[in-house]
N, C-alpha and C. Protein backbone atom coordinates (compact mmCIF):
# COMPACT_ATOMS: atom_id res chain seq x y z
N GLN A 1 20.93 3.22 -4.63
CA GLN A 1 20.19 1.99 -4.40
C GLN A 1 18.75 2.34 -4.02
N VAL A 2 17.82 1.76 -4.75
CA VAL A 2 16.41 2.03 -4.51
C VAL A 2 15.90 1.12 -3.40
N GLN A 3 15.19 1.71 -2.46
CA GLN A 3 14.55 0.94 -1.40
C GLN A 3 13.15 1.45 -1.15
N LEU A 4 12.23 0.52 -1.04
CA LEU A 4 10.87 0.80 -0.58
C LEU A 4 10.67 -0.06 0.65
N VAL A 5 10.46 0.58 1.79
CA VAL A 5 10.37 -0.15 3.05
C VAL A 5 8.99 0.06 3.65
N GLU A 6 8.23 -1.04 3.68
CA GLU A 6 6.89 -1.00 4.27
C GLU A 6 6.94 -1.24 5.76
N SER A 7 5.98 -0.67 6.46
CA SER A 7 5.81 -0.91 7.88
C SER A 7 4.35 -0.71 8.24
N GLY A 8 3.99 -1.18 9.43
CA GLY A 8 2.65 -0.96 9.93
C GLY A 8 1.72 -2.15 9.87
N GLY A 9 2.18 -3.24 9.30
CA GLY A 9 1.35 -4.44 9.26
C GLY A 9 1.24 -5.09 10.63
N GLY A 10 0.37 -6.10 10.70
CA GLY A 10 0.21 -6.81 11.96
C GLY A 10 -1.10 -7.55 12.01
N LEU A 11 -1.45 -7.96 13.22
CA LEU A 11 -2.68 -8.69 13.47
C LEU A 11 -3.72 -7.72 14.03
N VAL A 12 -4.91 -7.74 13.45
CA VAL A 12 -5.98 -6.86 13.90
C VAL A 12 -7.30 -7.61 13.84
N GLN A 13 -8.21 -7.27 14.72
CA GLN A 13 -9.52 -7.91 14.73
C GLN A 13 -10.40 -7.34 13.62
N PRO A 14 -11.36 -8.12 13.17
CA PRO A 14 -12.31 -7.59 12.18
C PRO A 14 -12.95 -6.30 12.69
N GLY A 15 -13.07 -5.33 11.78
CA GLY A 15 -13.60 -4.03 12.14
C GLY A 15 -12.54 -3.04 12.58
N GLY A 16 -11.34 -3.52 12.79
CA GLY A 16 -10.26 -2.66 13.24
C GLY A 16 -9.59 -1.89 12.12
N SER A 17 -8.55 -1.16 12.48
CA SER A 17 -7.84 -0.30 11.53
C SER A 17 -6.34 -0.51 11.63
N LEU A 18 -5.68 -0.27 10.52
CA LEU A 18 -4.23 -0.24 10.45
C LEU A 18 -3.81 0.84 9.47
N ARG A 19 -2.64 1.40 9.69
CA ARG A 19 -2.07 2.32 8.72
C ARG A 19 -0.71 1.79 8.28
N LEU A 20 -0.60 1.52 7.01
CA LEU A 20 0.66 1.09 6.43
C LEU A 20 1.43 2.30 5.92
N SER A 21 2.74 2.23 6.06
CA SER A 21 3.62 3.26 5.53
C SER A 21 4.64 2.62 4.60
N CYS A 22 5.05 3.37 3.62
CA CYS A 22 6.10 2.93 2.70
C CYS A 22 7.07 4.08 2.52
N ALA A 23 8.26 3.91 3.04
CA ALA A 23 9.29 4.94 2.93
C ALA A 23 10.21 4.60 1.76
N ALA A 24 10.34 5.56 0.86
CA ALA A 24 11.15 5.35 -0.35
C ALA A 24 12.47 6.09 -0.24
N SER A 25 13.50 5.48 -0.79
CA SER A 25 14.80 6.13 -0.90
C SER A 25 15.44 5.71 -2.20
N GLY A 26 16.30 6.57 -2.71
CA GLY A 26 17.02 6.26 -3.94
C GLY A 26 16.25 6.58 -5.21
N ILE A 27 15.07 7.20 -5.07
CA ILE A 27 14.27 7.60 -6.23
C ILE A 27 13.81 9.04 -6.05
N GLY A 28 13.47 9.68 -7.18
CA GLY A 28 12.85 10.99 -7.11
C GLY A 28 11.38 10.82 -6.80
N PHE A 29 11.09 10.63 -5.55
CA PHE A 29 9.77 10.18 -5.10
C PHE A 29 8.63 10.99 -5.70
N SER A 30 8.76 12.29 -5.78
CA SER A 30 7.63 13.14 -6.16
C SER A 30 7.16 12.90 -7.59
N VAL A 31 7.99 12.33 -8.44
CA VAL A 31 7.57 12.11 -9.82
C VAL A 31 7.01 10.71 -10.05
N TYR A 32 7.04 9.88 -9.03
CA TYR A 32 6.58 8.52 -9.15
C TYR A 32 5.10 8.40 -8.80
N ASP A 33 4.41 7.56 -9.56
CA ASP A 33 3.09 7.09 -9.16
C ASP A 33 3.31 5.97 -8.15
N MET A 34 2.56 6.00 -7.06
CA MET A 34 2.75 5.04 -5.99
C MET A 34 1.50 4.18 -5.82
N GLY A 35 1.73 2.94 -5.42
CA GLY A 35 0.58 2.06 -5.24
C GLY A 35 0.80 1.06 -4.14
N TRP A 36 -0.29 0.52 -3.68
CA TRP A 36 -0.29 -0.60 -2.72
C TRP A 36 -0.97 -1.78 -3.40
N TYR A 37 -0.31 -2.90 -3.36
CA TYR A 37 -0.85 -4.16 -3.87
C TYR A 37 -0.91 -5.15 -2.71
N ARG A 38 -1.66 -6.21 -2.91
CA ARG A 38 -1.69 -7.27 -1.91
C ARG A 38 -1.76 -8.62 -2.57
N GLN A 39 -1.26 -9.60 -1.84
CA GLN A 39 -1.30 -10.97 -2.33
C GLN A 39 -1.64 -11.90 -1.19
N ALA A 40 -2.77 -12.57 -1.33
CA ALA A 40 -3.20 -13.57 -0.36
C ALA A 40 -2.68 -14.94 -0.80
N PRO A 41 -2.56 -15.87 0.14
CA PRO A 41 -2.08 -17.21 -0.22
C PRO A 41 -2.90 -17.84 -1.33
N GLY A 42 -2.23 -18.32 -2.36
CA GLY A 42 -2.91 -18.99 -3.46
C GLY A 42 -3.59 -18.07 -4.44
N LYS A 43 -3.41 -16.76 -4.26
CA LYS A 43 -4.07 -15.80 -5.15
C LYS A 43 -3.03 -14.92 -5.84
N GLN A 44 -3.46 -14.28 -6.93
CA GLN A 44 -2.58 -13.37 -7.64
C GLN A 44 -2.47 -12.05 -6.90
N ARG A 45 -1.37 -11.38 -7.13
CA ARG A 45 -1.20 -10.05 -6.57
C ARG A 45 -2.20 -9.11 -7.23
N GLU A 46 -2.84 -8.26 -6.42
CA GLU A 46 -3.84 -7.36 -6.95
C GLU A 46 -3.61 -5.94 -6.45
N LEU A 47 -4.02 -4.99 -7.29
CA LEU A 47 -3.93 -3.59 -6.89
C LEU A 47 -4.98 -3.28 -5.84
N VAL A 48 -4.55 -2.64 -4.77
CA VAL A 48 -5.46 -2.20 -3.72
C VAL A 48 -5.80 -0.72 -3.89
N ALA A 49 -4.77 0.09 -4.02
CA ALA A 49 -4.96 1.54 -4.14
C ALA A 49 -3.74 2.14 -4.80
N ALA A 50 -3.96 3.26 -5.49
CA ALA A 50 -2.86 3.94 -6.15
C ALA A 50 -3.05 5.44 -6.05
N ILE A 51 -1.94 6.16 -6.07
CA ILE A 51 -1.98 7.61 -6.06
C ILE A 51 -0.93 8.10 -7.05
N THR A 52 -1.37 8.97 -7.94
CA THR A 52 -0.46 9.49 -8.96
C THR A 52 0.42 10.59 -8.37
N ARG A 53 1.39 11.00 -9.15
CA ARG A 53 2.27 12.07 -8.68
C ARG A 53 1.48 13.37 -8.52
N GLY A 54 0.36 13.45 -9.21
CA GLY A 54 -0.49 14.63 -9.10
C GLY A 54 -1.53 14.54 -8.00
N GLY A 55 -1.59 13.40 -7.33
CA GLY A 55 -2.51 13.25 -6.22
C GLY A 55 -3.81 12.53 -6.56
N GLY A 56 -3.99 12.14 -7.81
CA GLY A 56 -5.18 11.39 -8.17
C GLY A 56 -5.13 9.99 -7.58
N THR A 57 -6.29 9.48 -7.18
CA THR A 57 -6.33 8.18 -6.52
C THR A 57 -7.30 7.24 -7.20
N ASN A 58 -7.06 5.94 -7.05
CA ASN A 58 -8.05 4.95 -7.43
C ASN A 58 -7.91 3.75 -6.50
N PHE A 59 -9.01 3.04 -6.38
CA PHE A 59 -9.10 1.96 -5.39
C PHE A 59 -9.76 0.73 -6.01
N ALA A 60 -9.38 -0.42 -5.51
CA ALA A 60 -10.10 -1.63 -5.86
C ALA A 60 -11.51 -1.53 -5.30
N ASP A 61 -12.47 -2.08 -6.02
CA ASP A 61 -13.86 -2.01 -5.58
C ASP A 61 -14.03 -2.59 -4.17
N SER A 62 -13.25 -3.60 -3.86
CA SER A 62 -13.40 -4.29 -2.58
C SER A 62 -13.00 -3.44 -1.38
N VAL A 63 -12.27 -2.35 -1.62
CA VAL A 63 -11.81 -1.53 -0.49
C VAL A 63 -12.36 -0.11 -0.53
N LYS A 64 -13.11 0.22 -1.56
CA LYS A 64 -13.66 1.58 -1.66
C LYS A 64 -14.51 1.90 -0.45
N GLY A 65 -14.30 3.09 0.09
CA GLY A 65 -15.04 3.52 1.26
C GLY A 65 -14.43 3.07 2.57
N ARG A 66 -13.45 2.18 2.51
CA ARG A 66 -12.80 1.69 3.74
C ARG A 66 -11.32 2.09 3.80
N PHE A 67 -10.66 2.13 2.66
CA PHE A 67 -9.23 2.43 2.61
C PHE A 67 -9.01 3.81 1.98
N THR A 68 -8.00 4.49 2.44
CA THR A 68 -7.55 5.72 1.79
C THR A 68 -6.05 5.65 1.56
N ILE A 69 -5.60 6.32 0.53
CA ILE A 69 -4.18 6.37 0.22
C ILE A 69 -3.75 7.83 0.19
N SER A 70 -2.57 8.10 0.70
CA SER A 70 -2.05 9.46 0.70
C SER A 70 -0.54 9.42 0.56
N ARG A 71 0.04 10.56 0.24
CA ARG A 71 1.49 10.62 0.11
C ARG A 71 2.00 11.91 0.71
N ASP A 72 3.22 11.85 1.23
CA ASP A 72 3.90 13.01 1.75
C ASP A 72 5.23 13.11 1.01
N ASN A 73 5.28 13.97 0.02
CA ASN A 73 6.49 14.06 -0.81
C ASN A 73 7.68 14.58 -0.02
N ALA A 74 7.43 15.36 1.01
CA ALA A 74 8.53 15.87 1.83
C ALA A 74 9.20 14.74 2.62
N LYS A 75 8.44 13.70 2.91
CA LYS A 75 8.97 12.56 3.66
C LYS A 75 9.22 11.34 2.79
N ASN A 76 8.98 11.48 1.48
CA ASN A 76 9.17 10.35 0.56
C ASN A 76 8.40 9.12 1.03
N THR A 77 7.18 9.33 1.47
CA THR A 77 6.40 8.26 2.09
C THR A 77 4.98 8.24 1.53
N VAL A 78 4.49 7.04 1.31
CA VAL A 78 3.09 6.84 0.93
C VAL A 78 2.42 6.01 2.03
N TYR A 79 1.16 6.32 2.28
CA TYR A 79 0.42 5.68 3.36
C TYR A 79 -0.82 4.98 2.82
N LEU A 80 -1.21 3.94 3.52
CA LEU A 80 -2.49 3.28 3.26
C LEU A 80 -3.22 3.16 4.58
N GLN A 81 -4.28 3.93 4.73
CA GLN A 81 -5.11 3.85 5.92
C GLN A 81 -6.22 2.84 5.65
N MET A 82 -6.27 1.82 6.47
CA MET A 82 -7.23 0.74 6.28
C MET A 82 -8.18 0.70 7.47
N ASN A 83 -9.44 0.95 7.21
CA ASN A 83 -10.47 0.93 8.24
C ASN A 83 -11.47 -0.20 7.96
N SER A 84 -12.25 -0.52 8.98
CA SER A 84 -13.28 -1.56 8.84
C SER A 84 -12.71 -2.82 8.19
N LEU A 85 -11.60 -3.25 8.71
CA LEU A 85 -10.91 -4.39 8.10
C LEU A 85 -11.74 -5.67 8.21
N LYS A 86 -11.61 -6.50 7.18
CA LYS A 86 -12.34 -7.76 7.10
C LYS A 86 -11.33 -8.91 6.99
N PRO A 87 -11.74 -10.11 7.37
CA PRO A 87 -10.82 -11.25 7.22
C PRO A 87 -10.30 -11.40 5.80
N GLU A 88 -11.10 -11.06 4.81
CA GLU A 88 -10.66 -11.18 3.42
C GLU A 88 -9.61 -10.15 3.01
N ASP A 89 -9.31 -9.21 3.90
CA ASP A 89 -8.22 -8.27 3.65
C ASP A 89 -6.86 -8.86 4.04
N THR A 90 -6.88 -10.03 4.65
CA THR A 90 -5.64 -10.68 5.04
C THR A 90 -4.78 -10.98 3.83
N ALA A 91 -3.54 -10.50 3.86
CA ALA A 91 -2.63 -10.66 2.72
C ALA A 91 -1.28 -10.03 3.08
N VAL A 92 -0.31 -10.26 2.22
CA VAL A 92 0.92 -9.49 2.27
C VAL A 92 0.71 -8.25 1.40
N TYR A 93 0.98 -7.10 1.96
CA TYR A 93 0.78 -5.84 1.26
C TYR A 93 2.14 -5.31 0.78
N PHE A 94 2.18 -4.96 -0.50
CA PHE A 94 3.41 -4.50 -1.13
C PHE A 94 3.26 -3.07 -1.62
N CYS A 95 4.31 -2.31 -1.44
CA CYS A 95 4.40 -0.95 -1.96
C CYS A 95 5.01 -1.02 -3.35
N ASN A 96 4.53 -0.15 -4.24
CA ASN A 96 5.00 -0.13 -5.62
C ASN A 96 5.23 1.30 -6.06
N ALA A 97 6.31 1.51 -6.81
CA ALA A 97 6.63 2.82 -7.37
C ALA A 97 6.84 2.68 -8.87
N LYS A 98 6.18 3.56 -9.63
CA LYS A 98 6.28 3.50 -11.09
C LYS A 98 6.58 4.88 -11.67
N TYR A 99 7.50 4.88 -12.65
CA TYR A 99 7.77 6.10 -13.41
C TYR A 99 8.27 5.68 -14.77
N SER A 100 7.51 5.97 -15.77
CA SER A 100 7.84 5.57 -17.13
C SER A 100 8.05 4.05 -17.15
N ILE A 101 9.20 3.58 -17.59
CA ILE A 101 9.43 2.13 -17.64
C ILE A 101 10.03 1.59 -16.34
N LEU A 102 10.27 2.48 -15.40
CA LEU A 102 10.86 2.06 -14.13
C LEU A 102 9.78 1.61 -13.17
N GLN A 103 10.04 0.54 -12.45
CA GLN A 103 9.10 0.03 -11.47
C GLN A 103 9.88 -0.65 -10.34
N TYR A 104 9.47 -0.36 -9.12
CA TYR A 104 10.13 -0.93 -7.95
C TYR A 104 9.10 -1.45 -6.97
N TRP A 105 9.51 -2.47 -6.20
CA TRP A 105 8.64 -3.10 -5.21
C TRP A 105 9.32 -3.12 -3.86
N GLY A 106 8.50 -3.02 -2.82
CA GLY A 106 8.98 -3.26 -1.48
C GLY A 106 8.95 -4.75 -1.17
N GLN A 107 9.38 -5.08 0.04
CA GLN A 107 9.47 -6.50 0.43
C GLN A 107 8.17 -7.04 0.97
N GLY A 108 7.24 -6.16 1.27
CA GLY A 108 5.93 -6.58 1.74
C GLY A 108 5.81 -6.57 3.25
N THR A 109 4.57 -6.37 3.70
CA THR A 109 4.28 -6.42 5.13
C THR A 109 2.98 -7.21 5.31
N GLN A 110 2.97 -8.09 6.29
CA GLN A 110 1.82 -8.98 6.49
C GLN A 110 0.72 -8.27 7.26
N VAL A 111 -0.48 -8.37 6.73
CA VAL A 111 -1.68 -7.90 7.43
C VAL A 111 -2.58 -9.11 7.64
N THR A 112 -2.93 -9.37 8.89
CA THR A 112 -3.81 -10.48 9.23
C THR A 112 -5.00 -9.95 10.00
N VAL A 113 -6.18 -10.23 9.48
CA VAL A 113 -7.42 -9.79 10.12
C VAL A 113 -8.13 -11.03 10.64
N SER A 114 -8.16 -11.15 11.95
CA SER A 114 -8.70 -12.35 12.56
C SER A 114 -9.11 -12.08 13.99
N SER A 115 -10.15 -12.78 14.43
CA SER A 115 -10.55 -12.67 15.82
C SER A 115 -9.90 -13.76 16.66
């Protein structure tokens, strides 16, 4: 059974930081490309950051310079470090795993940036 379990969301003030974690089980984690997506109310789900199985990364323009993505294959975990958070970063953040035609999603974790 495949599971992607996100954690680390919450309420943070503008300018603050959060680190999201996504623990994967039931997949050969090291061969999967991993990503973080987000969906704000009334908006489409969008890619925030991704990291390939080889360690290559890409980011949405809106988060470049503020967010970093990393993975620990020994722990089957991908991380999203979010710094200098803005109210517009408020959304449900989802973990995604892709390999060939296989794709899996986590249940999401809420991030709210508000004073």
